[in-house]
Amino acid sequence: MVELKFLIAFFLAFTAGILAIKLGQALYDCY
């Protein structure tokens, strides 16, 4: 089940990246 773990890790990293981008844009808009 190595593929499943890799897929989950990739999904979490992808989601974290999107959240980080949205947060960065929100902070940039505020200031």
PDB file of N, CA and C in Angstrom:
ATOM      1  N   MET A   1       0.837  -1.206   0.000  1.00  0.00           N
ATOM      2  CA  MET A   1       0.000   0.000   0.000  1.00  0.00           C
ATOM      3  C   MET A   1       0.872   1.256   0.000  1.00  0.00           C
ATOM      4  N   VAL A   2       2.036   1.159  -0.595  1.00  0.00           N
ATOM      5  CA  VAL A   2       2.921   2.324  -0.642  1.00  0.00           C
ATOM      6  C   VAL A   2       2.306   3.407  -1.531  1.00  0.00           C
ATOM      7  N   GLU A   3       1.650   2.988  -2.611  1.00  0.00           N
ATOM      8  CA  GLU A   3       1.051   3.960  -3.516  1.00  0.00           C
ATOM      9  C   GLU A   3      -0.007   4.798  -2.796  1.00  0.00           C
ATOM     10  N   LEU A   4      -0.793   4.154  -1.924  1.00  0.00           N
ATOM     11  CA  LEU A   4      -1.844   4.868  -1.205  1.00  0.00           C
ATOM     12  C   LEU A   4      -1.243   5.928  -0.288  1.00  0.00           C
ATOM     13  N   LYS A   5      -0.183   5.557   0.420  1.00  0.00           N
ATOM     14  CA  LYS A   5       0.463   6.522   1.319  1.00  0.00           C
ATOM     15  C   LYS A   5       1.022   7.693   0.519  1.00  0.00           C
ATOM     16  N   PHE A   6       1.634   7.393  -0.628  1.00  0.00           N
ATOM     17  CA  PHE A   6       2.198   8.446  -1.470  1.00  0.00           C
ATOM     18  C   PHE A   6       1.091   9.363  -1.981  1.00  0.00           C
ATOM     19  N   LEU A   7      -0.038   8.763  -2.362  1.00  0.00           N
ATOM     20  CA  LEU A   7      -1.158   9.548  -2.880  1.00  0.00           C
ATOM     21  C   LEU A   7      -1.720  10.461  -1.794  1.00  0.00           C
ATOM     22  N   ILE A   8      -1.859   9.934  -0.581  1.00  0.00           N
ATOM     23  CA  ILE A   8      -2.369  10.741   0.535  1.00  0.00           C
ATOM     24  C   ILE A   8      -1.405  11.883   0.850  1.00  0.00           C
ATOM     25  N   ALA A   9      -0.112  11.589   0.875  1.00  0.00           N
ATOM     26  CA  ALA A   9       0.886  12.621   1.171  1.00  0.00           C
ATOM     27  C   ALA A   9       0.843  13.712   0.107  1.00  0.00           C
ATOM     28  N   PHE A  10       0.705  13.310  -1.152  1.00  0.00           N
ATOM     29  CA  PHE A  10       0.641  14.275  -2.249  1.00  0.00           C
ATOM     30  C   PHE A  10      -0.613  15.141  -2.127  1.00  0.00           C
ATOM     31  N   PHE A  11      -1.741  14.510  -1.788  1.00  0.00           N
ATOM     32  CA  PHE A  11      -2.999  15.249  -1.642  1.00  0.00           C
ATOM     33  C   PHE A  11      -2.907  16.261  -0.506  1.00  0.00           C
ATOM     34  N   LEU A  12      -2.311  15.855   0.622  1.00  0.00           N
ATOM     35  CA  LEU A  12      -2.174  16.766   1.761  1.00  0.00           C
ATOM     36  C   LEU A  12      -1.265  17.935   1.401  1.00  0.00           C
ATOM     37  N   ALA A  13      -0.171  17.658   0.710  1.00  0.00           N
ATOM     38  CA  ALA A  13       0.757  18.717   0.321  1.00  0.00           C
ATOM     39  C   ALA A  13       0.076  19.675  -0.663  1.00  0.00           C
ATOM     40  N   PHE A  14      -0.697  19.123  -1.587  1.00  0.00           N
ATOM     41  CA  PHE A  14      -1.401  19.939  -2.576  1.00  0.00           C
ATOM     42  C   PHE A  14      -2.425  20.851  -1.896  1.00  0.00           C
ATOM     43  N   THR A  15      -3.182  20.283  -0.935  1.00  0.00           N
ATOM     44  CA  THR A  15      -4.182  21.064  -0.207  1.00  0.00           C
ATOM     45  C   THR A  15      -3.519  22.151   0.628  1.00  0.00           C
ATOM     46  N   ALA A  16      -2.416  21.799   1.294  1.00  0.00           N
ATOM     47  CA  ALA A  16      -1.697  22.777   2.119  1.00  0.00           C
ATOM     48  C   ALA A  16      -1.174  23.911   1.247  1.00  0.00           C
ATOM     49  N   GLY A  17      -0.711  23.575   0.051  1.00  0.00           N
ATOM     50  CA  GLY A  17      -0.194  24.592  -0.858  1.00  0.00           C
ATOM     51  C   GLY A  17      -1.293  25.559  -1.281  1.00  0.00           C
ATOM     52  N   ILE A  18      -2.465  25.033  -1.589  1.00  0.00           N
ATOM     53  CA  ILE A  18      -3.581  25.891  -1.993  1.00  0.00           C
ATOM     54  C   ILE A  18      -3.993  26.801  -0.839  1.00  0.00           C
ATOM     55  N   LEU A  19      -4.067  26.244   0.372  1.00  0.00           N
ATOM     56  CA  LEU A  19      -4.436  27.049   1.534  1.00  0.00           C
ATOM     57  C   LEU A  19      -3.404  28.139   1.779  1.00  0.00           C
ATOM     58  N   ALA A  20      -2.133  27.809   1.614  1.00  0.00           N
ATOM     59  CA  ALA A  20      -1.064  28.788   1.828  1.00  0.00           C
ATOM     60  C   ALA A  20      -1.170  29.918   0.811  1.00  0.00           C
ATOM     61  N   ILE A  21      -1.481  29.576  -0.441  1.00  0.00           N
ATOM     62  CA  ILE A  21      -1.619  30.597  -1.485  1.00  0.00           C
ATOM     63  C   ILE A  21      -2.810  31.502  -1.185  1.00  0.00           C
ATOM     64  N   LYS A  22      -3.942  30.906  -0.793  1.00  0.00           N
ATOM     65  CA  LYS A  22      -5.126  31.704  -0.477  1.00  0.00           C
ATOM     66  C   LYS A  22      -4.856  32.607   0.717  1.00  0.00           C
ATOM     67  N   LEU A  23      -4.171  32.091   1.727  1.00  0.00           N
ATOM     68  CA  LEU A  23      -3.859  32.888   2.909  1.00  0.00           C
ATOM     69  C   LEU A  23      -2.924  34.031   2.536  1.00  0.00           C
ATOM     70  N   GLY A  24      -1.948  33.748   1.699  1.00  0.00           N
ATOM     71  CA  GLY A  24      -1.009  34.777   1.266  1.00  0.00           C
ATOM     72  C   GLY A  24      -1.717  35.879   0.493  1.00  0.00           C
ATOM     73  N   GLN A  25      -2.649  35.510  -0.372  1.00  0.00           N
ATOM     74  CA  GLN A  25      -3.392  36.504  -1.145  1.00  0.00           C
ATOM     75  C   GLN A  25      -4.269  37.342  -0.224  1.00  0.00           C
ATOM     76  N   ALA A  26      -4.869  36.718   0.784  1.00  0.00           N
ATOM     77  CA  ALA A  26      -5.726  37.436   1.726  1.00  0.00           C
ATOM     78  C   ALA A  26      -4.906  38.460   2.510  1.00  0.00           C
ATOM     79  N   LEU A  27      -3.733  38.048   2.977  1.00  0.00           N
ATOM     80  CA  LEU A  27      -2.875  38.972   3.723  1.00  0.00           C
ATOM     81  C   LEU A  27      -2.389  40.094   2.817  1.00  0.00           C
ATOM     82  N   TYR A  28      -2.093  39.775   1.570  1.00  0.00           N
ATOM     83  CA  TYR A  28      -1.616  40.785   0.621  1.00  0.00           C
ATOM     84  C   TYR A  28      -2.722  41.807   0.331  1.00  0.00           C
ATOM     85  N   ASP A  29      -3.967  41.334   0.260  1.00  0.00           N
ATOM     86  CA  ASP A  29      -5.086  42.244   0.003  1.00  0.00           C
ATOM     87  C   ASP A  29      -5.341  43.147   1.207  1.00  0.00           C
ATOM     88  N   CYS A  30      -5.164  42.627   2.418  1.00  0.00           N
ATOM     89  CA  CYS A  30      -5.396  43.417   3.630  1.00  0.00           C
ATOM     90  C   CYS A  30      -4.375  44.546   3.725  1.00  0.00           C
ATOM     91  N   TYR A  31      -3.130  44.223   3.447  1.00  0.00           N
ATOM     92  CA  TYR A  31      -2.079  45.235   3.520  1.00  0.00           C
ATOM     93  C   TYR A  31      -1.707  45.647   2.119  1.00  0.00           C
TER      94      TYR A  31
END
